[in-house]
C-alpha atoms as a PDB file:
ATOM      1  CA  MET A   1     -37.414  74.719 -11.722  1.00  0.00           C
ATOM      2  CA  TYR A   2     -39.058  71.647 -10.224  1.00  0.00           C
ATOM      3  CA  VAL A   3     -40.987  68.964 -12.091  1.00  0.00           C
ATOM      4  CA  VAL A   4     -43.788  67.102 -10.333  1.00  0.00           C
ATOM      5  CA  THR A   5     -45.164  63.915 -11.872  1.00  0.00           C
ATOM      6  CA  GLY A   6     -48.500  62.507 -10.774  1.00  0.00           C
ATOM      7  CA  ALA A   7     -49.408  66.114 -10.000  1.00  0.00           C
ATOM      8  CA  THR A   8     -53.155  65.474  -9.886  1.00  0.00           C
ATOM      9  CA  GLY A   9     -52.755  62.551  -7.475  1.00  0.00           C
ATOM     10  CA  ASN A  10     -52.825  62.520  -3.691  1.00  0.00           C
ATOM     11  CA  THR A  11     -49.093  62.974  -3.113  1.00  0.00           C
ATOM     12  CA  GLY A  12     -48.048  64.873  -6.237  1.00  0.00           C
ATOM     13  CA  ARG A  13     -50.685  67.550  -5.724  1.00  0.00           C
ATOM     14  CA  VAL A  14     -49.381  68.229  -2.208  1.00  0.00           C
ATOM     15  CA  VAL A  15     -45.778  68.362  -3.444  1.00  0.00           C
ATOM     16  CA  ALA A  16     -46.713  70.867  -6.157  1.00  0.00           C
ATOM     17  CA  GLU A  17     -48.817  73.032  -3.832  1.00  0.00           C
ATOM     18  CA  SER A  18     -46.088  73.072  -1.192  1.00  0.00           C
ATOM     19  CA  LEU A  19     -43.439  74.181  -3.676  1.00  0.00           C
ATOM     20  CA  LEU A  20     -45.733  76.807  -5.196  1.00  0.00           C
ATOM     21  CA  ALA A  21     -46.600  78.156  -1.745  1.00  0.00           C
ATOM     22  CA  VAL A  22     -42.993  79.299  -1.269  1.00  0.00           C
ATOM     23  CA  GLY A  23     -42.701  80.809  -4.728  1.00  0.00           C
ATOM     24  CA  LYS A  24     -40.903  78.054  -6.596  1.00  0.00           C
ATOM     25  CA  ASP A  25     -41.108  77.561 -10.360  1.00  0.00           C
ATOM     26  CA  VAL A  26     -43.053  74.310 -10.777  1.00  0.00           C
ATOM     27  CA  GLN A  27     -43.960  72.354 -13.881  1.00  0.00           C
ATOM     28  CA  VAL A  28     -46.735  69.833 -13.264  1.00  0.00           C
ATOM     29  CA  VAL A  29     -47.120  66.749 -15.432  1.00  0.00           C
ATOM     30  CA  GLY A  30     -50.455  65.112 -16.149  1.00  0.00           C
ATOM     31  CA  ARG A  31     -52.503  63.379 -18.832  1.00  0.00           C
ATOM     32  CA  SER A  32     -55.284  65.983 -18.783  1.00  0.00           C
ATOM     33  CA  GLU A  33     -54.876  69.737 -19.080  1.00  0.00           C
ATOM     34  CA  LYS A  34     -58.238  70.257 -17.394  1.00  0.00           C
ATOM     35  CA  ARG A  35     -57.210  68.271 -14.328  1.00  0.00           C
ATOM     36  CA  LEU A  36     -54.111  70.466 -14.010  1.00  0.00           C
ATOM     37  CA  ASP A  37     -56.181  73.689 -14.009  1.00  0.00           C
ATOM     38  CA  LEU A  38     -56.331  74.018 -10.211  1.00  0.00           C
ATOM     39  CA  LEU A  39     -52.545  73.880  -9.948  1.00  0.00           C
ATOM     40  CA  VAL A  40     -52.127  76.240 -12.890  1.00  0.00           C
ATOM     41  CA  ALA A  41     -54.391  78.702 -11.067  1.00  0.00           C
ATOM     42  CA  LYS A  42     -51.894  78.578  -8.190  1.00  0.00           C
ATOM     43  CA  GLY A  43     -48.976  79.404 -10.469  1.00  0.00           C
ATOM     44  CA  ALA A  44     -47.825  76.070 -11.910  1.00  0.00           C
ATOM     45  CA  ARG A  45     -46.891  75.541 -15.533  1.00  0.00           C
ATOM     46  CA  PRO A  46     -48.726  72.589 -17.104  1.00  0.00           C
ATOM     47  CA  PHE A  47     -47.156  69.839 -19.165  1.00  0.00           C
ATOM     48  CA  VAL A  48     -49.634  67.458 -20.734  1.00  0.00           C
ATOM     49  CA  GLY A  49     -48.268  64.106 -21.815  1.00  0.00           C
ATOM     50  CA  SER A  50     -47.980  60.437 -21.024  1.00  0.00           C
ATOM     51  CA  ILE A  51     -45.539  59.669 -18.253  1.00  0.00           C
ATOM     52  CA  ALA A  52     -44.610  56.511 -20.160  1.00  0.00           C
ATOM     53  CA  ASP A  53     -43.538  58.558 -23.204  1.00  0.00           C
ATOM     54  CA  ALA A  54     -39.785  58.963 -22.815  1.00  0.00           C
ATOM     55  CA  GLN A  55     -39.573  61.653 -25.490  1.00  0.00           C
ATOM     56  CA  ALA A  56     -42.304  63.730 -23.848  1.00  0.00           C
ATOM     57  CA  MET A  57     -40.748  63.361 -20.410  1.00  0.00           C
ATOM     58  CA  SER A  58     -37.339  64.413 -21.689  1.00  0.00           C
ATOM     59  CA  ILE A  59     -38.973  67.692 -22.726  1.00  0.00           C
ATOM     60  CA  ALA A  60     -40.885  68.025 -19.455  1.00  0.00           C
ATOM     61  CA  PHE A  61     -37.746  67.544 -17.343  1.00  0.00           C
ATOM     62  CA  SER A  62     -35.550  69.868 -19.377  1.00  0.00           C
ATOM     63  CA  GLY A  63     -34.170  72.646 -17.170  1.00  0.00           C
ATOM     64  CA  ALA A  64     -35.294  71.074 -13.885  1.00  0.00           C
ATOM     65  CA  VAL A  65     -33.002  71.009 -10.866  1.00  0.00           C
ATOM     66  CA  GLY A  66     -35.331  68.790  -8.832  1.00  0.00           C
ATOM     67  CA  ALA A  67     -38.129  66.331  -9.522  1.00  0.00           C
ATOM     68  CA  TYR A  68     -40.763  64.345  -7.696  1.00  0.00           C
ATOM     69  CA  CYS A  69     -41.186  61.035  -9.488  1.00  0.00           C
ATOM     70  CA  MET A  70     -43.754  58.294  -9.090  1.00  0.00           C
ATOM     71  CA  ILE A  71     -45.311  55.467 -11.095  1.00  0.00           C
ATOM     72  CA  PRO A  72     -49.084  55.991 -11.207  1.00  0.00           C
ATOM     73  CA  PRO A  73     -51.033  52.791 -10.363  1.00  0.00           C
ATOM     74  CA  ARG A  74     -52.901  52.161 -13.628  1.00  0.00           C
ATOM     75  CA  PHE A  75     -54.569  48.889 -12.636  1.00  0.00           C
ATOM     76  CA  GLU A  76     -56.637  48.691 -15.812  1.00  0.00           C
ATOM     77  CA  VAL A  77     -53.646  48.270 -18.149  1.00  0.00           C
ATOM     78  CA  PRO A  78     -53.356  44.783 -19.717  1.00  0.00           C
ATOM     79  CA  ASP A  79     -49.801  44.189 -18.452  1.00  0.00           C
ATOM     80  CA  PHE A  80     -49.161  46.019 -15.194  1.00  0.00           C
ATOM     81  CA  ARG A  81     -45.493  45.040 -14.896  1.00  0.00           C
ATOM     82  CA  ALA A  82     -44.890  46.271 -18.458  1.00  0.00           C
ATOM     83  CA  TRP A  83     -46.576  49.576 -17.542  1.00  0.00           C
ATOM     84  CA  GLN A  84     -44.340  49.979 -14.502  1.00  0.00           C
ATOM     85  CA  ARG A  85     -41.279  49.180 -16.592  1.00  0.00           C
ATOM     86  CA  ALA A  86     -42.224  51.642 -19.359  1.00  0.00           C
ATOM     87  CA  VAL A  87     -42.857  54.472 -16.907  1.00  0.00           C
ATOM     88  CA  GLY A  88     -39.741  53.655 -14.909  1.00  0.00           C
ATOM     89  CA  GLU A  89     -37.503  53.638 -17.953  1.00  0.00           C
ATOM     90  CA  SER A  90     -39.095  56.861 -19.206  1.00  0.00           C
ATOM     91  CA  LEU A  91     -38.500  58.677 -15.924  1.00  0.00           C
ATOM     92  CA  ALA A  92     -34.940  57.431 -15.525  1.00  0.00           C
ATOM     93  CA  ALA A  93     -34.081  58.484 -19.084  1.00  0.00           C
ATOM     94  CA  ALA A  94     -35.646  61.919 -18.551  1.00  0.00           C
ATOM     95  CA  VAL A  95     -33.770  62.491 -15.287  1.00  0.00           C
ATOM     96  CA  HIS A  96     -30.491  61.453 -16.871  1.00  0.00           C
ATOM     97  CA  GLY A  97     -30.978  63.356 -20.115  1.00  0.00           C
ATOM     98  CA  ALA A  98     -32.025  66.592 -18.423  1.00  0.00           C
ATOM     99  CA  GLY A  99     -29.271  66.475 -15.825  1.00  0.00           C
ATOM    100  CA  VAL A 100     -31.701  66.735 -12.913  1.00  0.00           C
ATOM    101  CA  GLU A 101     -29.682  67.042  -9.697  1.00  0.00           C
ATOM    102  CA  TYR A 102     -32.224  65.952  -7.066  1.00  0.00           C
ATOM    103  CA  VAL A 103     -34.957  63.319  -7.314  1.00  0.00           C
ATOM    104  CA  VAL A 104     -37.444  62.152  -4.715  1.00  0.00           C
ATOM    105  CA  PHE A 105     -39.077  58.890  -5.802  1.00  0.00           C
ATOM    106  CA  LEU A 106     -42.217  57.469  -4.212  1.00  0.00           C
ATOM    107  CA  SER A 107     -41.631  53.818  -3.401  1.00  0.00           C
ATOM    108  CA  SER A 108     -43.168  51.566  -0.750  1.00  0.00           C
ATOM    109  CA  VAL A 109     -42.536  49.736   2.470  1.00  0.00           C
ATOM    110  CA  GLY A 110     -41.560  46.219   1.424  1.00  0.00           C
ATOM    111  CA  ALA A 111     -39.283  47.385  -1.401  1.00  0.00           C
ATOM    112  CA  GLN A 112     -36.340  45.797   0.370  1.00  0.00           C
ATOM    113  CA  HIS A 113     -37.586  42.626  -1.381  1.00  0.00           C
ATOM    114  CA  THR A 114     -37.094  41.919  -5.077  1.00  0.00           C
ATOM    115  CA  GLU A 115     -39.832  39.292  -5.355  1.00  0.00           C
ATOM    116  CA  GLY A 116     -43.000  38.123  -3.640  1.00  0.00           C
ATOM    117  CA  VAL A 117     -44.519  41.562  -3.016  1.00  0.00           C
ATOM    118  CA  GLY A 118     -46.490  42.199  -6.217  1.00  0.00           C
ATOM    119  CA  PRO A 119     -46.456  45.777  -7.578  1.00  0.00           C
ATOM    120  CA  ILE A 120     -43.868  46.762  -4.973  1.00  0.00           C
ATOM    121  CA  VAL A 121     -41.316  44.762  -6.980  1.00  0.00           C
ATOM    122  CA  GLY A 122     -41.800  47.235  -9.840  1.00  0.00           C
ATOM    123  CA  LEU A 123     -41.099  50.121  -7.462  1.00  0.00           C
ATOM    124  CA  ARG A 124     -37.926  48.450  -6.272  1.00  0.00           C
ATOM    125  CA  LYS A 125     -36.807  48.062  -9.887  1.00  0.00           C
ATOM    126  CA  GLU A 126     -37.288  51.787 -10.405  1.00  0.00           C
ATOM    127  CA  GLU A 127     -35.283  52.514  -7.266  1.00  0.00           C
ATOM    128  CA  ASP A 128     -32.485  50.489  -8.825  1.00  0.00           C
ATOM    129  CA  ARG A 129     -32.759  52.346 -12.162  1.00  0.00           C
ATOM    130  CA  LEU A 130     -32.549  55.741 -10.501  1.00  0.00           C
ATOM    131  CA  ASN A 131     -29.791  54.630  -8.148  1.00  0.00           C
ATOM    132  CA  ALA A 132     -27.725  53.558 -11.154  1.00  0.00           C
ATOM    133  CA  LEU A 133     -27.704  57.085 -12.587  1.00  0.00           C
ATOM    134  CA  GLU A 134     -24.565  59.137 -12.085  1.00  0.00           C
ATOM    135  CA  GLY A 135     -24.592  62.767 -11.052  1.00  0.00           C
ATOM    136  CA  VAL A 136     -28.023  62.790  -9.413  1.00  0.00           C
ATOM    137  CA  SER A 137     -28.930  62.574  -5.744  1.00  0.00           C
ATOM    138  CA  VAL A 138     -31.876  60.209  -5.243  1.00  0.00           C
ATOM    139  CA  LEU A 139     -34.073  59.861  -2.170  1.00  0.00           C
ATOM    140  CA  ASN A 140     -36.332  56.799  -2.320  1.00  0.00           C
ATOM    141  CA  LEU A 141     -39.340  57.254  -0.032  1.00  0.00           C
ATOM    142  CA  ARG A 142     -40.677  53.871   1.084  1.00  0.00           C
ATOM    143  CA  ALA A 143     -44.096  54.817   2.386  1.00  0.00           C
ATOM    144  CA  GLY A 144     -46.592  52.714   4.294  1.00  0.00           C
ATOM    145  CA  PHE A 145     -50.111  51.713   3.252  1.00  0.00           C
ATOM    146  CA  PHE A 146     -52.049  54.836   2.222  1.00  0.00           C
ATOM    147  CA  MET A 147     -54.976  55.705   4.470  1.00  0.00           C
ATOM    148  CA  GLU A 148     -56.715  56.962   1.330  1.00  0.00           C
ATOM    149  CA  ASN A 149     -56.840  53.371   0.051  1.00  0.00           C
ATOM    150  CA  PHE A 150     -59.735  52.915   2.460  1.00  0.00           C
ATOM    151  CA  PHE A 151     -61.891  55.016   0.136  1.00  0.00           C
ATOM    152  CA  MET A 152     -62.106  51.894  -2.048  1.00  0.00           C
ATOM    153  CA  GLN A 153     -63.949  50.207   0.819  1.00  0.00           C
ATOM    154  CA  ILE A 154     -66.859  52.643   0.746  1.00  0.00           C
ATOM    155  CA  GLY A 155     -68.826  50.636  -1.819  1.00  0.00           C
ATOM    156  CA  ALA A 156     -68.456  47.444   0.211  1.00  0.00           C
ATOM    157  CA  ILE A 157     -69.473  49.178   3.425  1.00  0.00           C
ATOM    158  CA  ARG A 158     -72.591  50.612   1.804  1.00  0.00           C
ATOM    159  CA  GLY A 159     -73.478  47.391   0.042  1.00  0.00           C
ATOM    160  CA  THR A 160     -72.581  44.720   2.573  1.00  0.00           C
ATOM    161  CA  GLY A 161     -71.924  46.515   5.843  1.00  0.00           C
ATOM    162  CA  ILE A 162     -68.341  45.237   6.134  1.00  0.00           C
ATOM    163  CA  MET A 163     -64.798  46.077   5.112  1.00  0.00           C
ATOM    164  CA  GLY A 164     -62.774  43.359   3.438  1.00  0.00           C
ATOM    165  CA  LEU A 165     -59.492  42.457   1.774  1.00  0.00           C
ATOM    166  CA  PRO A 166     -57.509  39.216   1.479  1.00  0.00           C
ATOM    167  CA  ALA A 167     -55.067  40.551   4.075  1.00  0.00           C
ATOM    168  CA  ARG A 168     -55.254  39.248   7.634  1.00  0.00           C
ATOM    169  CA  GLY A 169     -57.059  41.563  10.008  1.00  0.00           C
ATOM    170  CA  ASP A 170     -54.746  41.004  12.956  1.00  0.00           C
ATOM    171  CA  ILE A 171     -51.438  42.073  11.380  1.00  0.00           C
ATOM    172  CA  ALA A 172     -50.299  45.577  12.336  1.00  0.00           C
ATOM    173  CA  PHE A 173     -48.554  47.542   9.581  1.00  0.00           C
ATOM    174  CA  PRO A 174     -47.707  51.207   8.875  1.00  0.00           C
ATOM    175  CA  LEU A 175     -50.618  53.429   7.804  1.00  0.00           C
ATOM    176  CA  ILE A 176     -49.851  56.891   6.440  1.00  0.00           C
ATOM    177  CA  ALA A 177     -51.819  59.858   5.126  1.00  0.00           C
ATOM    178  CA  THR A 178     -50.726  60.845   1.623  1.00  0.00           C
ATOM    179  CA  LYS A 179     -50.687  64.503   2.693  1.00  0.00           C
ATOM    180  CA  ASP A 180     -47.780  63.710   4.994  1.00  0.00           C
ATOM    181  CA  ILE A 181     -45.862  62.020   2.179  1.00  0.00           C
ATOM    182  CA  GLY A 182     -46.301  65.013  -0.110  1.00  0.00           C
ATOM    183  CA  GLU A 183     -45.261  67.514   2.544  1.00  0.00           C
ATOM    184  CA  TYR A 184     -42.180  65.475   3.442  1.00  0.00           C
ATOM    185  CA  ALA A 185     -41.146  65.093  -0.216  1.00  0.00           C
ATOM    186  CA  ALA A 186     -41.555  68.812  -0.858  1.00  0.00           C
ATOM    187  CA  GLU A 187     -39.504  69.718   2.201  1.00  0.00           C
ATOM    188  CA  ARG A 188     -36.622  67.498   1.121  1.00  0.00           C
ATOM    189  CA  LEU A 189     -36.724  68.902  -2.424  1.00  0.00           C
ATOM    190  CA  LEU A 190     -36.723  72.445  -1.090  1.00  0.00           C
ATOM    191  CA  ASN A 191     -33.835  71.805   1.297  1.00  0.00           C
ATOM    192  CA  MET A 192     -31.865  69.686  -1.190  1.00  0.00           C
ATOM    193  CA  ASP A 193     -30.316  68.098   1.875  1.00  0.00           C
ATOM    194  CA  PHE A 194     -29.691  64.610   0.501  1.00  0.00           C
ATOM    195  CA  THR A 195     -26.716  63.430  -1.498  1.00  0.00           C
ATOM    196  CA  GLY A 196     -25.893  60.226  -3.311  1.00  0.00           C
ATOM    197  CA  LYS A 197     -28.489  57.461  -3.168  1.00  0.00           C
ATOM    198  CA  SER A 198     -30.552  57.025  -0.023  1.00  0.00           C
ATOM    199  CA  THR A 199     -33.758  55.493   1.319  1.00  0.00           C
ATOM    200  CA  ARG A 200     -36.190  56.805   3.903  1.00  0.00           C
ATOM    201  CA  GLU A 201     -39.196  54.903   5.147  1.00  0.00           C
ATOM    202  CA  LEU A 202     -42.295  56.920   6.098  1.00  0.00           C
ATOM    203  CA  LEU A 203     -44.406  54.981   8.560  1.00  0.00           C
ATOM    204  CA  GLY A 204     -47.276  57.155   9.693  1.00  0.00           C
ATOM    205  CA  PRO A 205     -47.788  57.724  13.434  1.00  0.00           C
ATOM    206  CA  ARG A 206     -48.154  54.044  14.382  1.00  0.00           C
ATOM    207  CA  ASP A 207     -48.772  50.534  13.050  1.00  0.00           C
ATOM    208  CA  VAL A 208     -52.467  49.633  12.788  1.00  0.00           C
ATOM    209  CA  THR A 209     -54.350  46.384  12.145  1.00  0.00           C
ATOM    210  CA  LEU A 210     -57.242  46.236   9.703  1.00  0.00           C
ATOM    211  CA  ASP A 211     -59.471  45.109  12.547  1.00  0.00           C
ATOM    212  CA  GLU A 212     -58.588  48.308  14.397  1.00  0.00           C
ATOM    213  CA  ALA A 213     -58.995  50.441  11.270  1.00  0.00           C
ATOM    214  CA  ALA A 214     -62.534  49.154  10.766  1.00  0.00           C
ATOM    215  CA  GLY A 215     -63.416  50.191  14.303  1.00  0.00           C
ATOM    216  CA  VAL A 216     -62.006  53.698  13.907  1.00  0.00           C
ATOM    217  CA  LEU A 217     -63.577  54.325  10.495  1.00  0.00           C
ATOM    218  CA  GLY A 218     -66.868  52.746  11.527  1.00  0.00           C
ATOM    219  CA  ALA A 219     -67.141  55.042  14.532  1.00  0.00           C
ATOM    220  CA  ALA A 220     -66.544  58.061  12.288  1.00  0.00           C
ATOM    221  CA  ILE A 221     -69.430  57.163   9.958  1.00  0.00           C
ATOM    222  CA  GLY A 222     -71.849  56.144  12.670  1.00  0.00           C
ATOM    223  CA  LYS A 223     -71.370  52.407  12.222  1.00  0.00           C
ATOM    224  CA  ASP A 224     -69.874  51.311  15.524  1.00  0.00           C
ATOM    225  CA  ASP A 225     -70.384  47.659  14.586  1.00  0.00           C
ATOM    226  CA  LEU A 226     -68.360  47.876  11.353  1.00  0.00           C
ATOM    227  CA  LYS A 227     -66.129  44.819  11.076  1.00  0.00           C
ATOM    228  CA  TYR A 228     -63.194  43.859   8.907  1.00  0.00           C
ATOM    229  CA  VAL A 229     -63.490  40.464   7.176  1.00  0.00           C
ATOM    230  CA  GLN A 230     -60.585  38.658   5.526  1.00  0.00           C
ATOM    231  CA  PHE A 231     -61.842  37.622   2.085  1.00  0.00           C
ATOM    232  CA  PRO A 232     -60.730  34.375   0.449  1.00  0.00           C
ATOM    233  CA  PHE A 233     -58.239  35.122  -2.304  1.00  0.00           C
ATOM    234  CA  GLU A 234     -60.617  33.658  -4.895  1.00  0.00           C
ATOM    235  CA  ASP A 235     -63.392  36.049  -3.875  1.00  0.00           C
ATOM    236  CA  ALA A 236     -61.017  39.004  -3.871  1.00  0.00           C
ATOM    237  CA  GLU A 237     -59.850  38.085  -7.366  1.00  0.00           C
ATOM    238  CA  GLN A 238     -63.403  38.097  -8.726  1.00  0.00           C
ATOM    239  CA  ALA A 239     -64.234  41.351  -6.973  1.00  0.00           C
ATOM    240  CA  LEU A 240     -61.204  43.150  -8.417  1.00  0.00           C
ATOM    241  CA  LEU A 241     -61.845  41.825 -11.909  1.00  0.00           C
ATOM    242  CA  GLY A 242     -65.414  43.064 -11.568  1.00  0.00           C
ATOM    243  CA  LEU A 243     -64.105  46.537 -10.781  1.00  0.00           C
ATOM    244  CA  GLY A 244     -62.243  46.592 -14.096  1.00  0.00           C
ATOM    245  CA  PHE A 245     -58.779  45.648 -12.880  1.00  0.00           C
ATOM    246  CA  SER A 246     -56.780  43.699 -15.454  1.00  0.00           C
ATOM    247  CA  SER A 247     -55.863  40.100 -14.715  1.00  0.00           C
ATOM    248  CA  SER A 248     -52.169  41.024 -14.484  1.00  0.00           C
ATOM    249  CA  SER A 249     -52.923  43.768 -11.966  1.00  0.00           C
ATOM    250  CA  VAL A 250     -55.090  41.441  -9.896  1.00  0.00           C
ATOM    251  CA  SER A 251     -52.378  38.784  -9.892  1.00  0.00           C
ATOM    252  CA  GLY A 252     -49.860  41.318  -8.625  1.00  0.00           C
ATOM    253  CA  LEU A 253     -52.129  42.708  -5.931  1.00  0.00           C
ATOM    254  CA  LEU A 254     -52.942  39.250  -4.623  1.00  0.00           C
ATOM    255  CA  GLU A 255     -49.226  38.488  -4.467  1.00  0.00           C
ATOM    256  CA  MET A 256     -48.754  41.667  -2.459  1.00  0.00           C
ATOM    257  CA  TYR A 257     -51.467  40.657   0.021  1.00  0.00           C
ATOM    258  CA  ARG A 258     -49.913  37.215   0.366  1.00  0.00           C
ATOM    259  CA  GLY A 259     -46.616  38.963   1.034  1.00  0.00           C
ATOM    260  CA  LEU A 260     -48.299  41.094   3.682  1.00  0.00           C
ATOM    261  CA  ASN A 261     -49.773  38.008   5.335  1.00  0.00           C
ATOM    262  CA  ASP A 262     -46.365  36.329   5.228  1.00  0.00           C
ATOM    263  CA  GLY A 263     -44.590  39.260   6.861  1.00  0.00           C
ATOM    264  CA  LEU A 264     -42.787  40.593   3.779  1.00  0.00           C
ATOM    265  CA  VAL A 265     -44.515  43.972   3.432  1.00  0.00           C
ATOM    266  CA  VAL A 266     -43.053  45.397   6.608  1.00  0.00           C
ATOM    267  CA  ALA A 267     -40.758  48.223   7.579  1.00  0.00           C
ATOM    268  CA  ALA A 268     -37.041  47.560   7.439  1.00  0.00           C
ATOM    269  CA  GLU A 269     -36.200  50.530   9.688  1.00  0.00           C
ATOM    270  CA  GLU A 270     -36.847  50.888  13.372  1.00  0.00           C
ATOM    271  CA  ARG A 271     -39.561  53.440  14.032  1.00  0.00           C
ATOM    272  CA  SER A 272     -38.018  56.820  14.864  1.00  0.00           C
ATOM    273  CA  ALA A 273     -38.802  60.521  14.899  1.00  0.00           C
ATOM    274  CA  GLU A 274     -37.403  60.757  11.365  1.00  0.00           C
ATOM    275  CA  ASN A 275     -39.723  58.179   9.790  1.00  0.00           C
ATOM    276  CA  THR A 276     -42.854  58.838  11.876  1.00  0.00           C
ATOM    277  CA  THR A 277     -45.415  61.220  10.333  1.00  0.00           C
ATOM    278  CA  PRO A 278     -48.136  63.131  12.190  1.00  0.00           C
ATOM    279  CA  THR A 279     -51.599  62.444  10.765  1.00  0.00           C
ATOM    280  CA  THR A 280     -53.394  59.781  12.798  1.00  0.00           C
ATOM    281  CA  LEU A 281     -56.028  57.370  11.567  1.00  0.00           C
ATOM    282  CA  GLU A 282     -58.511  59.086  13.881  1.00  0.00           C
ATOM    283  CA  GLU A 283     -57.810  62.413  12.147  1.00  0.00           C
ATOM    284  CA  PHE A 284     -58.090  60.835   8.717  1.00  0.00           C
ATOM    285  CA  ALA A 285     -61.398  59.254   9.760  1.00  0.00           C
ATOM    286  CA  HIS A 286     -63.023  62.705   9.617  1.00  0.00           C
ATOM    287  CA  VAL A 287     -62.023  62.964   5.939  1.00  0.00           C
ATOM    288  CA  PHE A 288     -63.253  59.411   5.352  1.00  0.00           C
ATOM    289  CA  ALA A 289     -66.604  60.277   6.913  1.00  0.00           C
ATOM    290  CA  ARG A 290     -66.985  63.317   4.667  1.00  0.00           C
ATOM    291  CA  VAL A 291     -66.241  61.265   1.526  1.00  0.00           C
ATOM    292  CA  TYR A 292     -68.517  58.471   2.733  1.00  0.00           C
ATOM    293  CA  GLY A 293     -71.298  61.014   3.111  1.00  0.00           C
ATOM    294  CA  GLY A 294     -70.820  62.220  -0.440  1.00  0.00           C
ATOM    295  CA  GLY A 295     -68.431  65.099   0.127  1.00  0.00           C
ATOM    296  CA  ALA A 296     -65.146  65.855  -1.600  1.00  0.00           C
ATOM    297  CA  GLN A 297     -61.779  64.655  -0.354  1.00  0.00           C
END
């Protein structure tokens, strides 16, 4: 049996669907039974509970040979670091208590650093927790910047005609489609071809600047003049707070963007066939255009 956390999210859903497609026994974890219905219809067994509840997770993981683990980004929580710690400790305890043999954990590019990279620090801490467990093989997937994060720019594009973040527009960094992460994680769980503690970066097909991304996405939605603008950190702070992000989450995100600008949130591996994934930004732009026009992802 496999356990998939974050099963209603972009990567977890793909992991669960991929495992179910080849007839595996899959238990999907989520906060809402209703949101798990689509996976249940495909053969999954639902487990409804908080991922930060160690007792609940120990039940969810019982009997599992493999697990896909992640820390959902709950940016509205009052103390984001405390949320990451609670979830991380819950997952590590569940893996250890249930005797899970194989774990794939979703981390991030930049997790080679233990400070100065905002929420990525919390992911590195969870890597360390899982790596400290005996008797379990752990594969930490350090993925690039999700292409799906650009969906958060749709409101700004509609309202102001621009894309914007506090990150510099001329820095190229790895962009990856979450579908590719999920498919890769599922393949490794199916093959069970990793032993001990290991790390694999997933870097998308190429590094892309935000200036370039604005051009590609703009062309897809019929806005050939769409530009990326680097926002002052003060403006970005107010915008995120206005969206309902907690002050602790905003502080962490701004630290991450400073780290990106300073060259910290970068790949540690040389690009290779093993860490390059197929979906291009141009392909993703068709999905972006559909969502921008009011369609489903």
